[in-house]
C-alpha atoms as a PDB file:
ATOM      1  CA  MET A   1     109.887 121.999  89.169  1.00  0.00           C
ATOM      2  CA  SER A   2     106.649 121.986  87.877  1.00  0.00           C
ATOM      3  CA  MET A   3     104.285 120.101  88.967  1.00  0.00           C
ATOM      4  CA  LYS A   4     100.593 119.019  88.606  1.00  0.00           C
ATOM      5  CA  ASN A   5      98.179 118.606  91.401  1.00  0.00           C
ATOM      6  CA  HIS A   6      95.575 115.678  89.767  1.00  0.00           C
ATOM      7  CA  SER A   7      93.618 115.051  93.404  1.00  0.00           C
ATOM      8  CA  GLU A   8      96.255 113.705  95.508  1.00  0.00           C
ATOM      9  CA  LEU A   9      98.614 112.919  92.597  1.00  0.00           C
ATOM     10  CA  MET A  10     101.670 114.928  91.844  1.00  0.00           C
ATOM     11  CA  THR A  11     103.362 114.798  88.443  1.00  0.00           C
ATOM     12  CA  VAL A  12     106.445 115.602  88.552  1.00  0.00           C
ATOM     13  CA  PRO A  13     109.387 115.246  85.869  1.00  0.00           C
ATOM     14  CA  VAL A  14     112.465 113.204  86.806  1.00  0.00           C
ATOM     15  CA  THR A  15     115.724 113.303  84.893  1.00  0.00           C
ATOM     16  CA  MET A  16     118.035 109.947  84.803  1.00  0.00           C
ATOM     17  CA  PRO A  17     120.549 108.694  83.167  1.00  0.00           C
ATOM     18  CA  SER A  18     119.434 107.050  79.793  1.00  0.00           C
ATOM     19  CA  LYS A  19     121.494 104.105  81.241  1.00  0.00           C
ATOM     20  CA  VAL A  20     119.089 103.658  84.216  1.00  0.00           C
ATOM     21  CA  TRP A  21     116.070 104.352  82.206  1.00  0.00           C
ATOM     22  CA  GLY A  22     116.603 101.438  79.827  1.00  0.00           C
ATOM     23  CA  LYS A  23     117.145  99.423  83.236  1.00  0.00           C
ATOM     24  CA  LEU A  24     113.942 100.672  84.540  1.00  0.00           C
ATOM     25  CA  ALA A  25     112.161  99.654  81.189  1.00  0.00           C
ATOM     26  CA  ARG A  26     113.233  96.256  80.989  1.00  0.00           C
ATOM     27  CA  ILE A  27     112.673  95.455  84.890  1.00  0.00           C
ATOM     28  CA  ALA A  28     109.031  97.083  84.041  1.00  0.00           C
ATOM     29  CA  ASP A  29     108.444  95.198  81.790  1.00  0.00           C
ATOM     30  CA  ARG A  30     109.036  91.537  82.776  1.00  0.00           C
ATOM     31  CA  ASP A  31     107.387  92.468  86.154  1.00  0.00           C
ATOM     32  CA  GLY A  32     104.243  93.415  83.720  1.00  0.00           C
ATOM     33  CA  CYS A  33     104.106  97.421  84.872  1.00  0.00           C
ATOM     34  CA  LYS A  34     104.974 100.917  83.802  1.00  0.00           C
ATOM     35  CA  VAL A  35     108.521 102.335  84.730  1.00  0.00           C
ATOM     36  CA  ARG A  36     106.501 104.774  86.344  1.00  0.00           C
ATOM     37  CA  ASP A  37     105.432 102.396  88.976  1.00  0.00           C
ATOM     38  CA  LEU A  38     108.674 101.837  89.997  1.00  0.00           C
ATOM     39  CA  VAL A  39     109.999 104.648  90.792  1.00  0.00           C
ATOM     40  CA  ALA A  40     106.463 105.777  92.499  1.00  0.00           C
ATOM     41  CA  THR A  41     107.053 102.614  95.126  1.00  0.00           C
ATOM     42  CA  ALA A  42     110.643 103.180  94.932  1.00  0.00           C
ATOM     43  CA  VAL A  43     110.046 107.117  96.445  1.00  0.00           C
ATOM     44  CA  LYS A  44     106.814 105.943  98.586  1.00  0.00           C
ATOM     45  CA  ARG A  45     109.280 103.929 100.350  1.00  0.00           C
ATOM     46  CA  ILE A  46     111.793 106.179 100.889  1.00  0.00           C
ATOM     47  CA  ILE A  47     109.694 108.453 102.686  1.00  0.00           C
ATOM     48  CA  ASP A  48     106.745 106.117 104.531  1.00  0.00           C
ATOM     49  CA  ALA A  49     107.200 107.385 108.066  1.00  0.00           C
ATOM     50  CA  ASP A  50     108.037 103.706 109.131  1.00  0.00           C
ATOM     51  CA  GLY A  51     110.246 103.359 105.567  1.00  0.00           C
ATOM     52  CA  VAL A  52     113.129 101.786 107.529  1.00  0.00           C
ATOM     53  CA  CYS A  53     110.775  99.462 110.063  1.00  0.00           C
ATOM     54  CA  ALA A  54     108.699  98.755 107.196  1.00  0.00           C
ATOM     55  CA  GLU A  55     112.001  97.499 104.623  1.00  0.00           C
ATOM     56  CA  ASP A  56     113.764  95.552 107.401  1.00  0.00           C
ATOM     57  CA  GLU A  57     110.628  93.984 108.146  1.00  0.00           C
ATOM     58  CA  ALA A  58     109.403  92.956 104.580  1.00  0.00           C
ATOM     59  CA  TYR A  59     113.307  91.588 103.735  1.00  0.00           C
ATOM     60  CA  ARG A  60     112.378  89.416 106.731  1.00  0.00           C
ATOM     61  CA  ARG A  61     109.224  88.024 105.320  1.00  0.00           C
ATOM     62  CA  ALA A  62     110.448  87.451 102.449  1.00  0.00           C
ATOM     63  CA  ILE A  63     113.869  85.385 103.410  1.00  0.00           C
ATOM     64  CA  ASP A  64     112.188  83.961 105.567  1.00  0.00           C
ATOM     65  CA  ALA A  65     109.437  83.112 102.728  1.00  0.00           C
ATOM     66  CA  VAL A  66     112.481  81.875 100.345  1.00  0.00           C
ATOM     67  CA  THR A  67     113.993  79.902 102.606  1.00  0.00           C
ATOM     68  CA  ARG A  68     110.308  77.734 102.569  1.00  0.00           C
ATOM     69  CA  GLY A  69     110.372  77.082  98.985  1.00  0.00           C
ATOM     70  CA  TRP A  70     107.794  80.494  98.316  1.00  0.00           C
ATOM     71  CA  ASP A  71     108.491  81.911  94.919  1.00  0.00           C
ATOM     72  CA  ASP A  72     109.318  85.726  94.292  1.00  0.00           C
ATOM     73  CA  ARG A  73     105.682  86.574  92.242  1.00  0.00           C
ATOM     74  CA  THR A  74     103.529  85.345  95.452  1.00  0.00           C
ATOM     75  CA  ILE A  75     105.635  86.813  98.285  1.00  0.00           C
ATOM     76  CA  ALA A  76     105.285  89.722  96.097  1.00  0.00           C
ATOM     77  CA  GLU A  77     101.517  90.041  96.155  1.00  0.00           C
ATOM     78  CA  GLN A  78     101.448  88.845  99.683  1.00  0.00           C
ATOM     79  CA  LEU A  79     104.219  91.688 100.964  1.00  0.00           C
ATOM     80  CA  ARG A  80     102.909  93.368  98.640  1.00  0.00           C
ATOM     81  CA  VAL A  81     106.658  95.180  97.045  1.00  0.00           C
ATOM     82  CA  PRO A  82     107.351  94.869  93.839  1.00  0.00           C
ATOM     83  CA  ARG A  83     109.060  91.324  92.231  1.00  0.00           C
ATOM     84  CA  VAL A  84     111.705  93.495  91.717  1.00  0.00           C
ATOM     85  CA  ASN A  85     113.021  94.032  95.705  1.00  0.00           C
ATOM     86  CA  VAL A  86     111.700  90.385  96.271  1.00  0.00           C
ATOM     87  CA  ARG A  87     114.490  89.020  93.633  1.00  0.00           C
ATOM     88  CA  ALA A  88     117.480  91.442  94.911  1.00  0.00           C
ATOM     89  CA  TRP A  89     116.656  90.665  98.593  1.00  0.00           C
ATOM     90  CA  ARG A  90     116.923  86.931  98.282  1.00  0.00           C
ATOM     91  CA  GLU A  91     120.053  87.280  95.952  1.00  0.00           C
ATOM     92  CA  GLN A  92     121.742  89.433  97.818  1.00  0.00           C
ATOM     93  CA  ALA A  93     121.036  86.739 100.029  1.00  0.00           C
ATOM     94  CA  GLY A  94     122.932  84.356  97.791  1.00  0.00           C
ATOM     95  CA  MET A  95     119.410  82.038  97.804  1.00  0.00           C
ATOM     96  CA  LYS A  96     118.341  80.456  94.224  1.00  0.00           C
ATOM     97  CA  ALA A  97     114.855  81.518  93.002  1.00  0.00           C
ATOM     98  CA  CYS A  98     112.306  78.302  94.086  1.00  0.00           C
ATOM     99  CA  ARG A  99     109.658  76.846  91.804  1.00  0.00           C
ATOM    100  CA  LEU A 100     105.964  78.644  91.429  1.00  0.00           C
ATOM    101  CA  GLY A 101     103.639  76.801  94.141  1.00  0.00           C
ATOM    102  CA  TYR A 102     105.694  75.015  96.551  1.00  0.00           C
ATOM    103  CA  GLY A 103     106.063  77.507  99.529  1.00  0.00           C
ATOM    104  CA  GLU A 104     105.189  75.947 103.138  1.00  0.00           C
ATOM    105  CA  GLY A 105     103.649  77.825 105.595  1.00  0.00           C
ATOM    106  CA  PRO A 106     102.374  81.440 105.725  1.00  0.00           C
ATOM    107  CA  ILE A 107     104.919  84.837 104.265  1.00  0.00           C
END
């Protein structure tokens, strides 16, 4: 595997099915980011020293924020996680999206 070192960044080729790439591209377009950002965020969360604990805490806080009326975008910004994660967690919990700007209390 070839890798290029740019300071603290590594460039690594990734092979994935075109359908997966297409889904990632649609998510990235919708969320205003690049596929590489989605992949890098996912990988970072996997290898983060506190990955499991941090993931559980972000999930708990996100669901709590949805129950108090916060929208996905605001939750994602406050928790510093991709909006797609917040949406997935909310949908997994069977909750509907909230309107922008109607949340109460801290996230």
